[in-house]
Amino acid sequence: MRKLILTIRHITNLSEHIDAPSTIDAIKKGIDFKGPNVWILAFAIIVASVGLNVNAIPVIIGAMLISPLMGPIMGVGLAIGINDSRLLQRSLKNLVIMVAISLTASFAYFFISPLNLGEPTELLARTRPTIFDVFIALFGGLAGIIESARKEKGTVIAGVAIATALMPPLCTAGYGLANGEWAYFIGAFYLFLINSVFIALATFLMVRYMQFPSVKFADPLKQRRVHRSIAIFSTLTILPSIVVAWMVIRENRFEHAVGKLEQEYANAFENTQFTKIERSYRLFDSSEIVVHTIGQPLTGFQVAQLTGKLSEFGLRKTKLRFSHRLSYGTVTGNDKTTTTLLENIYNRSEATLKSKDERIAQLEQELTTLKAGDISYAQVAKELAINHPLLRKITLSKGLQLNVPAQTTTDRIVVMTEWTSPVGTQELKQMEEWLKVRLHNDHVIVIPYSE
């Protein structure tokens, strides 16, 4: 066991791979925002804003790669980790400058941008921070500071810049300011705050773990106050994100359940088409689903059937309402939803009619076959009277002969005959063979009957 522990320590040891003095110098150089850094940041912010505006993910990723946003944030974590109050003040000052430049650039772009999106999904994605964003920022920051501290540099910093996504929230906050969308601004800025705080916290933890040389406070009390402030600030930042994550998870389950309900019952009713299902999710009250239909109205039984299925999909406390239209309305060239809907209804009607036509044709063919097999029994009686003058009466009975051991059946015709006088076996056999030909059935039995 001791050998295993020593092996693990050897594998995970960082002391042989880090260069603390050069790491401190590199982070300090990346803190200041002046000269080229200001222009690079402003241009990167505008590029990211364009990407968010048109929902172009590759553009957003490219902007994150060229932006120098990590410097002041890692500077805050380093300053706290090595107890350097001057470095902390300098880092916070440049962090404020960085935020101001970013908000100004994104505000200017979105204020003059002629592009408007009905559903800016990439912007919306940056307005609802959750506990998962905390995990991304924390572990991304841990990877970032280790990469900065190692002697042989790699490409981890670029990946951290993409994963932690510092730039898109600032761009979205600028969008909120430019358009008066305060929900966008608050949600996006809170996400940026989460990312910044936990990247700084990750830097602080790893600086302490890797035992960077510390600056000693003249006043130990001041050092304790700084550490206490960090703990309180981190706690106040993470708690709201946990609540938001819980809310998002519940809403996601609701959306998933409604999607399954819609998928199962969208085409369940032959003459009724679901046009749209509206969801209204409420966290502390009963959620509501409004089903819009056209065509034939749903019957009371069908409505009860749908309502009864809610509990099976985890929607026990959800209210279900129906909004029905008798007509399909006017279809315009740009109304793709209505056009698709009518095409589905038309195709389904065509399939139903085709199926019915095929069934009618099959029944007509069976009827024709039966008519072709009809026998003129009056003619048969005349022919039997000529062939068998002693025959008085016959009774034909169609039925099935069941072979019990083999469990097989055979169509059979049993003919009961009455004669004016007894006849021989030869005449009965001759009559039987003649009836097989005349009745088109090889399974005919002639039985004489006498009172």
Protein backbone atom coordinates (compact mmCIF):
# COMPACT_ATOMS: atom_id res chain seq x y z
CA MET A 1 0.00 0.00 0.00
CA ARG A 2 2.83 2.38 0.87
CA LYS A 3 4.48 1.62 -2.47
CA LEU A 4 1.21 2.42 -4.27
CA ILE A 5 0.92 5.75 -2.46
CA LEU A 6 4.51 6.64 -3.32
CA THR A 7 3.86 5.73 -6.97
CA ILE A 8 0.76 7.95 -7.07
CA ARG A 9 2.68 10.84 -5.50
CA HIS A 10 5.45 10.43 -8.04
CA ILE A 11 3.00 10.43 -10.96
CA THR A 12 1.00 13.43 -9.72
CA ASN A 13 3.96 15.47 -8.49
CA LEU A 14 4.15 18.93 -10.10
CA SER A 15 7.27 20.33 -8.46
CA GLU A 16 9.62 18.96 -11.13
CA HIS A 17 7.55 20.40 -13.98
CA ILE A 18 6.80 23.96 -12.88
CA ASP A 19 8.72 27.21 -12.98
CA ALA A 20 7.19 29.48 -10.35
CA PRO A 21 9.26 32.66 -10.93
CA SER A 22 8.69 32.72 -14.70
CA THR A 23 4.97 31.93 -14.17
CA ILE A 24 4.58 34.90 -11.83
CA ASP A 25 6.34 37.18 -14.31
CA ALA A 26 4.19 35.91 -17.23
CA ILE A 27 0.92 36.46 -15.36
CA LYS A 28 1.99 39.95 -14.26
CA LYS A 29 2.78 40.88 -17.88
CA GLY A 30 -0.68 39.77 -19.00
CA ILE A 31 -2.50 41.83 -16.39
CA ASP A 32 -2.18 45.33 -17.83
CA PHE A 33 -4.65 46.54 -20.45
CA LYS A 34 -2.96 49.23 -22.45
CA GLY A 35 -1.60 49.65 -25.95
CA PRO A 36 -2.13 46.57 -28.20
CA ASN A 37 -4.11 44.63 -25.60
CA VAL A 38 -6.86 47.26 -25.59
CA TRP A 39 -7.30 47.13 -29.36
CA ILE A 40 -7.06 43.34 -29.56
CA LEU A 41 -9.70 43.00 -26.84
CA ALA A 42 -12.06 45.51 -28.49
CA PHE A 43 -11.78 43.88 -31.91
CA ALA A 44 -12.19 40.38 -30.44
CA ILE A 45 -15.32 41.53 -28.59
CA ILE A 46 -16.84 42.84 -31.83
CA VAL A 47 -16.00 39.61 -33.66
CA ALA A 48 -17.66 37.60 -30.87
CA SER A 49 -20.68 39.93 -30.93
CA VAL A 50 -21.13 39.32 -34.66
CA GLY A 51 -20.90 35.58 -34.05
CA LEU A 52 -23.53 35.77 -31.32
CA ASN A 53 -25.73 38.00 -33.45
CA VAL A 54 -25.84 35.50 -36.33
CA ASN A 55 -25.56 32.33 -34.19
CA ALA A 56 -22.17 31.45 -35.75
CA ILE A 57 -20.39 29.22 -33.25
CA PRO A 58 -17.04 28.98 -35.16
CA VAL A 59 -16.82 32.81 -35.16
CA ILE A 60 -17.42 32.90 -31.40
CA ILE A 61 -14.73 30.29 -30.80
CA GLY A 62 -12.26 32.22 -32.95
CA ALA A 63 -12.92 35.40 -31.00
CA MET A 64 -12.32 33.61 -27.70
CA LEU A 65 -8.97 32.37 -28.95
CA ILE A 66 -7.66 35.86 -29.74
CA SER A 67 -8.97 37.67 -26.68
CA PRO A 68 -6.59 38.52 -23.79
CA LEU A 69 -9.21 38.19 -21.04
CA MET A 70 -7.53 35.66 -18.75
CA GLY A 71 -4.70 37.92 -17.59
CA PRO A 72 -6.34 40.11 -14.91
CA ILE A 73 -8.48 37.23 -13.60
CA MET A 74 -5.50 34.93 -13.11
CA GLY A 75 -3.68 37.94 -11.67
CA VAL A 76 -6.33 38.22 -8.94
CA GLY A 77 -5.93 34.54 -8.03
CA LEU A 78 -2.13 34.77 -8.09
CA ALA A 79 -2.15 37.91 -5.94
CA ILE A 80 -4.32 36.27 -3.31
CA GLY A 81 -2.29 33.07 -3.47
CA ILE A 82 1.04 34.80 -2.84
CA ASN A 83 -0.40 37.47 -0.52
CA ASP A 84 0.56 40.36 -2.80
CA SER A 85 -1.88 43.19 -2.03
CA ARG A 86 -0.38 45.56 -4.61
CA LEU A 87 -0.71 42.94 -7.34
CA LEU A 88 -4.30 42.36 -6.21
CA GLN A 89 -5.16 46.06 -6.54
CA ARG A 90 -3.49 46.22 -9.94
CA SER A 91 -5.32 43.09 -11.14
CA LEU A 92 -8.73 44.31 -9.96
CA LYS A 93 -8.14 47.70 -11.57
CA ASN A 94 -7.30 46.12 -14.93
CA LEU A 95 -10.21 43.70 -14.58
CA VAL A 96 -12.55 46.69 -14.30
CA ILE A 97 -10.88 48.29 -17.34
CA MET A 98 -11.25 45.02 -19.27
CA VAL A 99 -14.96 44.80 -18.43
CA ALA A 100 -15.50 48.45 -19.39
CA ILE A 101 -13.77 48.00 -22.77
CA SER A 102 -15.74 44.82 -23.48
CA LEU A 103 -19.12 46.29 -22.55
CA THR A 104 -18.40 49.46 -24.55
CA ALA A 105 -17.39 47.56 -27.68
CA SER A 106 -20.31 45.12 -27.54
CA PHE A 107 -22.77 47.91 -26.69
CA ALA A 108 -21.57 49.94 -29.68
CA TYR A 109 -21.90 47.01 -32.05
CA PHE A 110 -25.38 45.92 -30.95
CA PHE A 111 -26.58 49.53 -30.82
CA ILE A 112 -25.78 50.12 -34.50
CA SER A 113 -26.19 46.55 -35.79
CA PRO A 114 -29.00 46.19 -38.36
CA LEU A 115 -29.22 42.45 -37.73
CA ASN A 116 -32.10 41.21 -35.62
CA LEU A 117 -32.81 37.60 -34.76
CA GLY A 118 -36.18 36.23 -33.75
CA GLU A 119 -34.50 33.58 -31.59
CA PRO A 120 -30.91 34.55 -30.70
CA THR A 121 -30.10 31.13 -29.26
CA GLU A 122 -26.41 31.78 -28.67
CA LEU A 123 -27.24 34.96 -26.78
CA LEU A 124 -29.93 33.21 -24.74
CA ALA A 125 -27.48 30.46 -23.84
CA ARG A 126 -25.39 33.04 -21.95
CA THR A 127 -28.20 34.37 -19.76
CA ARG A 128 -28.92 31.43 -17.46
CA PRO A 129 -25.84 30.45 -15.44
CA THR A 130 -25.97 27.20 -13.49
CA ILE A 131 -23.84 25.13 -11.16
CA PHE A 132 -22.40 23.46 -14.25
CA ASP A 133 -20.87 26.78 -15.30
CA VAL A 134 -19.18 26.85 -11.89
CA PHE A 135 -17.66 23.42 -12.53
CA ILE A 136 -16.45 24.49 -15.99
CA ALA A 137 -14.86 27.68 -14.67
CA LEU A 138 -13.26 25.96 -11.66
CA PHE A 139 -11.73 22.97 -13.45
CA GLY A 140 -10.91 25.04 -16.53
CA GLY A 141 -9.09 27.49 -14.29
CA LEU A 142 -7.18 24.66 -12.60
CA ALA A 143 -6.03 23.41 -16.00
CA GLY A 144 -5.14 26.95 -17.03
CA ILE A 145 -2.88 27.76 -14.09
CA ILE A 146 -1.11 24.40 -14.34
CA GLU A 147 -0.46 25.04 -18.03
CA SER A 148 0.85 28.52 -17.24
CA ALA A 149 3.18 27.14 -14.57
CA ARG A 150 4.69 24.24 -16.51
CA LYS A 151 8.15 24.60 -18.00
CA GLU A 152 7.14 23.30 -21.43
CA LYS A 153 4.14 25.24 -22.67
CA GLY A 154 1.35 23.55 -24.65
CA THR A 155 -2.05 24.46 -26.07
CA VAL A 156 -4.11 24.09 -22.91
CA ILE A 157 -4.61 27.85 -22.44
CA ALA A 158 -6.46 28.07 -25.77
CA GLY A 159 -8.77 25.27 -24.69
CA VAL A 160 -9.37 26.92 -21.32
CA ALA A 161 -10.26 30.19 -23.06
CA ILE A 162 -12.89 28.36 -25.11
CA ALA A 163 -14.27 26.20 -22.29
CA THR A 164 -14.63 28.92 -19.68
CA ALA A 165 -16.19 31.32 -22.24
CA LEU A 166 -15.40 34.69 -20.66
CA MET A 167 -16.08 36.73 -23.78
CA PRO A 168 -19.61 35.66 -24.87
CA PRO A 169 -21.22 36.66 -21.53
CA LEU A 170 -19.70 40.15 -21.79
CA CYS A 171 -20.96 40.46 -25.37
CA THR A 172 -24.42 39.35 -24.29
CA ALA A 173 -24.37 41.85 -21.43
CA GLY A 174 -23.54 44.55 -23.99
CA TYR A 175 -26.49 43.36 -26.09
CA GLY A 176 -28.74 43.70 -23.05
CA LEU A 177 -27.56 47.26 -22.44
CA ALA A 178 -27.96 48.27 -26.09
CA ASN A 179 -31.49 46.87 -26.36
CA GLY A 180 -32.76 47.56 -22.86
CA GLU A 181 -33.00 43.81 -22.15
CA TRP A 182 -32.08 43.83 -18.48
CA ALA A 183 -32.70 40.10 -18.05
CA TYR A 184 -30.01 39.48 -20.67
CA PHE A 185 -27.62 41.89 -18.96
CA ILE A 186 -28.08 40.53 -15.44
CA GLY A 187 -27.94 36.85 -16.44
CA ALA A 188 -24.93 37.28 -18.74
CA PHE A 189 -22.98 39.46 -16.32
CA TYR A 190 -23.64 37.00 -13.52
CA LEU A 191 -22.25 34.21 -15.73
CA PHE A 192 -19.14 36.30 -16.39
CA LEU A 193 -18.83 36.93 -12.66
CA ILE A 194 -19.08 33.19 -11.94
CA ASN A 195 -16.42 32.38 -14.52
CA SER A 196 -14.09 35.11 -13.26
CA VAL A 197 -14.45 34.27 -9.57
CA PHE A 198 -13.84 30.55 -10.00
CA ILE A 199 -10.97 30.94 -12.44
CA ALA A 200 -9.38 33.22 -9.85
CA LEU A 201 -10.22 30.71 -7.10
CA ALA A 202 -8.68 27.87 -9.12
CA THR A 203 -5.54 29.95 -9.64
CA PHE A 204 -5.37 30.69 -5.91
CA LEU A 205 -5.74 27.01 -4.96
CA MET A 206 -3.08 25.78 -7.37
CA VAL A 207 -0.65 28.57 -6.47
CA ARG A 208 -0.95 27.48 -2.86
CA TYR A 209 -0.70 23.78 -3.77
CA MET A 210 2.40 24.35 -5.91
CA GLN A 211 3.87 26.46 -3.08
CA PHE A 212 4.67 29.63 -5.00
CA PRO A 213 6.79 32.00 -2.92
CA SER A 214 4.48 34.26 -0.91
CA VAL A 215 4.65 37.93 -0.05
CA LYS A 216 4.37 38.27 3.70
CA PHE A 217 1.84 40.69 5.19
CA ALA A 218 3.17 42.98 7.84
CA ASP A 219 -0.17 42.57 9.59
CA PRO A 220 -1.31 38.91 10.09
CA LEU A 221 -4.83 40.16 10.84
CA LYS A 222 -5.04 41.69 7.36
CA GLN A 223 -4.01 38.36 5.83
CA ARG A 224 -6.81 36.53 7.66
CA ARG A 225 -9.34 39.17 6.53
CA VAL A 226 -8.33 38.66 2.90
CA HIS A 227 -8.75 34.89 3.14
CA ARG A 228 -12.11 35.25 4.89
CA SER A 229 -13.35 37.66 2.22
CA ILE A 230 -12.42 35.18 -0.52
CA ALA A 231 -14.39 32.38 1.16
CA ILE A 232 -17.50 34.55 1.69
CA PHE A 233 -17.42 35.95 -1.85
CA SER A 234 -17.06 32.48 -3.41
CA THR A 235 -19.97 31.11 -1.34
CA LEU A 236 -22.26 34.02 -2.26
CA THR A 237 -21.42 33.47 -5.92
CA ILE A 238 -22.02 29.73 -6.04
CA LEU A 239 -25.28 29.49 -4.07
CA PRO A 240 -27.51 31.32 -6.61
CA SER A 241 -26.06 29.20 -9.41
CA ILE A 242 -27.11 26.02 -7.56
CA VAL A 243 -30.69 27.32 -7.35
CA VAL A 244 -30.68 28.23 -11.04
CA ALA A 245 -29.32 24.78 -11.95
CA TRP A 246 -32.14 23.10 -10.02
CA MET A 247 -34.71 25.25 -11.84
CA VAL A 248 -33.18 24.49 -15.25
CA ILE A 249 -33.11 20.74 -14.58
CA ARG A 250 -36.79 20.71 -13.64
CA GLU A 251 -37.77 22.75 -16.68
CA ASN A 252 -35.68 20.50 -18.91
CA ARG A 253 -37.51 17.43 -17.58
CA PHE A 254 -40.84 19.13 -18.28
CA GLU A 255 -39.82 19.96 -21.87
CA HIS A 256 -38.57 16.41 -22.45
CA ALA A 257 -41.81 14.91 -21.13
CA VAL A 258 -43.95 17.19 -23.34
CA GLY A 259 -41.80 16.25 -26.34
CA LYS A 260 -42.42 12.54 -25.70
CA LEU A 261 -46.16 13.19 -25.33
CA GLU A 262 -46.22 15.12 -28.61
CA GLN A 263 -44.22 12.45 -30.43
CA GLU A 264 -46.51 9.63 -29.34
CA TYR A 265 -49.84 11.33 -30.02
CA ALA A 266 -49.10 13.71 -32.92
CA ASN A 267 -50.47 11.22 -35.49
CA ALA A 268 -52.58 9.05 -33.22
CA PHE A 269 -55.94 10.36 -34.45
CA GLU A 270 -56.85 9.78 -38.08
CA ASN A 271 -58.86 12.92 -38.84
CA THR A 272 -57.26 15.29 -36.34
CA GLN A 273 -53.88 16.95 -36.76
CA PHE A 274 -51.80 18.48 -33.97
CA THR A 275 -50.54 21.84 -35.31
CA LYS A 276 -48.67 23.04 -32.24
CA ILE A 277 -48.18 22.30 -28.57
CA GLU A 278 -47.55 25.33 -26.35
CA ARG A 279 -45.83 24.81 -23.02
CA SER A 280 -46.14 27.07 -20.04
CA TYR A 281 -43.76 25.90 -17.32
CA ARG A 282 -44.29 27.19 -13.79
CA LEU A 283 -41.88 26.31 -11.00
CA PHE A 284 -44.18 26.84 -8.02
CA ASP A 285 -47.57 26.29 -9.70
CA SER A 286 -49.23 23.86 -12.08
CA SER A 287 -47.67 23.98 -15.52
CA GLU A 288 -49.94 24.08 -18.56
CA ILE A 289 -49.96 22.48 -22.01
CA VAL A 290 -52.15 23.88 -24.79
CA VAL A 291 -52.67 21.50 -27.73
CA HIS A 292 -53.70 23.21 -30.98
CA THR A 293 -55.55 20.98 -33.45
CA ILE A 294 -57.31 21.27 -36.79
CA GLY A 295 -59.60 18.93 -38.65
CA GLN A 296 -62.14 16.83 -36.79
CA PRO A 297 -62.54 17.82 -33.12
CA LEU A 298 -61.34 15.32 -30.55
CA THR A 299 -64.05 13.33 -28.84
CA GLY A 300 -64.52 13.34 -25.09
CA PHE A 301 -63.01 9.87 -24.94
CA GLN A 302 -59.91 10.99 -26.86
CA VAL A 303 -59.45 14.02 -24.59
CA ALA A 304 -59.78 11.80 -21.53
CA GLN A 305 -57.30 9.38 -23.08
CA LEU A 306 -54.71 12.13 -23.54
CA THR A 307 -55.33 13.60 -20.09
CA GLY A 308 -54.99 10.21 -18.45
CA LYS A 309 -51.59 9.71 -20.09
CA LEU A 310 -50.07 12.80 -18.43
CA SER A 311 -49.04 10.91 -15.30
CA GLU A 312 -47.22 8.30 -17.41
CA PHE A 313 -45.00 11.05 -18.82
CA GLY A 314 -44.26 12.66 -15.45
CA LEU A 315 -46.77 15.47 -15.97
CA ARG A 316 -49.14 14.61 -13.14
CA LYS A 317 -49.61 18.22 -11.97
CA THR A 318 -49.84 19.68 -15.47
CA LYS A 319 -53.06 21.12 -16.88
CA LEU A 320 -54.02 20.11 -20.43
CA ARG A 321 -56.16 22.34 -22.66
CA PHE A 322 -57.21 22.05 -26.31
CA SER A 323 -57.58 24.79 -28.90
CA HIS A 324 -59.36 23.61 -32.05
CA ARG A 325 -59.77 25.13 -35.53
CA LEU A 326 -62.28 23.70 -37.97
CA SER A 327 -60.62 25.13 -41.09
CA TYR A 328 -57.02 25.09 -42.25
CA GLY A 329 -56.90 28.80 -43.06
CA THR A 330 -55.14 30.46 -45.97
CA VAL A 331 -51.74 29.14 -46.99
CA THR A 332 -49.18 31.67 -48.19
CA GLY A 333 -45.95 30.99 -50.01
CA ASN A 334 -43.88 31.73 -46.92
CA ASP A 335 -46.08 29.80 -44.48
CA LYS A 336 -43.88 26.70 -44.34
CA THR A 337 -45.48 25.33 -41.19
CA THR A 338 -49.00 25.44 -42.60
CA THR A 339 -47.83 24.09 -45.96
CA THR A 340 -46.12 21.15 -44.30
CA LEU A 341 -49.18 20.54 -42.15
CA LEU A 342 -51.51 20.43 -45.17
CA GLU A 343 -49.11 18.16 -47.01
CA ASN A 344 -49.14 15.74 -44.08
CA ILE A 345 -52.93 15.77 -43.93
CA TYR A 346 -53.20 15.30 -47.71
CA ASN A 347 -50.70 12.44 -47.73
CA ARG A 348 -52.43 10.74 -44.85
CA SER A 349 -55.84 11.12 -46.56
CA GLU A 350 -54.41 9.75 -49.79
CA ALA A 351 -53.02 6.73 -47.93
CA THR A 352 -56.39 6.13 -46.25
CA LEU A 353 -58.29 6.35 -49.54
CA LYS A 354 -55.79 4.06 -51.25
CA SER A 355 -56.17 1.49 -48.49
CA LYS A 356 -59.96 1.62 -48.77
CA ASP A 357 -59.83 1.32 -52.57
CA GLU A 358 -57.60 -1.74 -52.28
CA ARG A 359 -60.01 -3.32 -49.81
CA ILE A 360 -63.01 -2.62 -52.07
CA ALA A 361 -61.18 -4.17 -55.03
CA GLN A 362 -60.36 -7.24 -52.95
CA LEU A 363 -63.98 -7.68 -51.86
CA GLU A 364 -65.23 -7.24 -55.43
CA GLN A 365 -62.83 -9.93 -56.60
CA GLU A 366 -64.02 -12.30 -53.89
CA LEU A 367 -67.64 -11.57 -54.84
CA THR A 368 -66.88 -12.29 -58.50
CA THR A 369 -65.24 -15.55 -57.54
CA LEU A 370 -68.23 -16.56 -55.48
CA LYS A 371 -70.60 -15.69 -58.32
CA ALA A 372 -68.48 -17.70 -60.73
CA GLY A 373 -68.78 -20.66 -58.42
CA ASP A 374 -72.57 -20.38 -58.16
CA ILE A 375 -74.36 -23.50 -59.35
CA SER A 376 -77.75 -23.69 -61.00
CA TYR A 377 -79.24 -26.37 -58.81
CA ALA A 378 -82.36 -26.56 -61.01
CA GLN A 379 -80.14 -27.59 -63.92
CA VAL A 380 -78.33 -30.10 -61.70
CA ALA A 381 -81.67 -31.61 -60.71
CA LYS A 382 -82.65 -32.03 -64.39
CA GLU A 383 -79.37 -33.72 -65.20
CA LEU A 384 -79.63 -36.04 -62.18
CA ALA A 385 -83.20 -36.99 -63.18
CA ILE A 386 -81.94 -38.10 -66.62
CA ASN A 387 -78.89 -39.98 -65.25
CA HIS A 388 -80.70 -41.58 -62.28
CA PRO A 389 -84.40 -42.19 -62.93
CA LEU A 390 -84.93 -43.82 -59.49
CA LEU A 391 -83.63 -40.71 -57.61
CA ARG A 392 -86.35 -38.94 -55.67
CA LYS A 393 -84.56 -36.25 -53.60
CA ILE A 394 -81.06 -35.07 -52.60
CA THR A 395 -79.84 -32.88 -49.73
CA LEU A 396 -76.47 -31.08 -50.13
CA SER A 397 -74.59 -30.01 -47.01
CA LYS A 398 -71.31 -28.07 -47.18
CA GLY A 399 -68.97 -28.33 -44.22
CA LEU A 400 -65.48 -28.98 -42.88
CA GLN A 401 -63.93 -32.33 -42.16
CA LEU A 402 -61.54 -32.10 -39.20
CA ASN A 403 -58.64 -34.53 -38.94
CA VAL A 404 -58.11 -34.45 -35.15
CA PRO A 405 -54.61 -36.01 -34.84
CA ALA A 406 -53.18 -33.97 -37.70
CA GLN A 407 -55.26 -30.88 -36.82
CA THR A 408 -56.11 -30.28 -40.48
CA THR A 409 -59.40 -29.43 -42.19
CA THR A 410 -60.89 -30.24 -45.59
CA ASP A 411 -63.86 -28.65 -47.39
CA ARG A 412 -66.40 -31.39 -48.04
CA ILE A 413 -69.87 -31.77 -49.59
CA VAL A 414 -72.15 -34.44 -48.13
CA VAL A 415 -75.04 -35.51 -50.39
CA MET A 416 -77.98 -37.35 -48.79
CA THR A 417 -80.06 -39.18 -51.42
CA GLU A 418 -83.54 -40.69 -51.39
CA TRP A 419 -84.52 -43.32 -54.01
CA THR A 420 -87.83 -44.81 -55.06
CA SER A 421 -86.22 -48.23 -54.68
CA PRO A 422 -82.85 -49.48 -53.46
CA VAL A 423 -79.87 -48.94 -55.77
CA GLY A 424 -76.50 -50.58 -55.98
CA THR A 425 -73.07 -49.36 -54.94
CA GLN A 426 -72.01 -48.92 -58.53
CA GLU A 427 -74.72 -46.34 -59.22
CA LEU A 428 -73.90 -44.44 -56.03
CA LYS A 429 -70.21 -44.37 -57.01
CA GLN A 430 -71.07 -43.14 -60.51
CA MET A 431 -73.26 -40.37 -59.06
CA GLU A 432 -70.49 -39.35 -56.65
CA GLU A 433 -67.90 -39.00 -59.44
CA TRP A 434 -70.32 -37.03 -61.57
CA LEU A 435 -71.09 -34.60 -58.71
CA LYS A 436 -67.38 -34.01 -58.09
CA VAL A 437 -67.03 -32.74 -61.64
CA ARG A 438 -70.32 -30.88 -61.69
CA LEU A 439 -69.83 -29.14 -58.29
CA HIS A 440 -66.08 -28.47 -58.80
CA ASN A 441 -65.16 -30.22 -55.56
CA ASP A 442 -63.11 -33.41 -55.23
CA HIS A 443 -64.46 -34.14 -51.77
CA VAL A 444 -68.03 -35.24 -52.36
CA ILE A 445 -69.66 -38.11 -50.47
CA VAL A 446 -72.97 -39.61 -51.56
CA ILE A 447 -74.94 -41.34 -48.83
CA PRO A 448 -78.18 -43.22 -49.58
CA TYR A 449 -81.06 -42.56 -47.21
CA SER A 450 -84.19 -44.59 -46.78
CA GLU A 451 -86.98 -44.37 -44.24
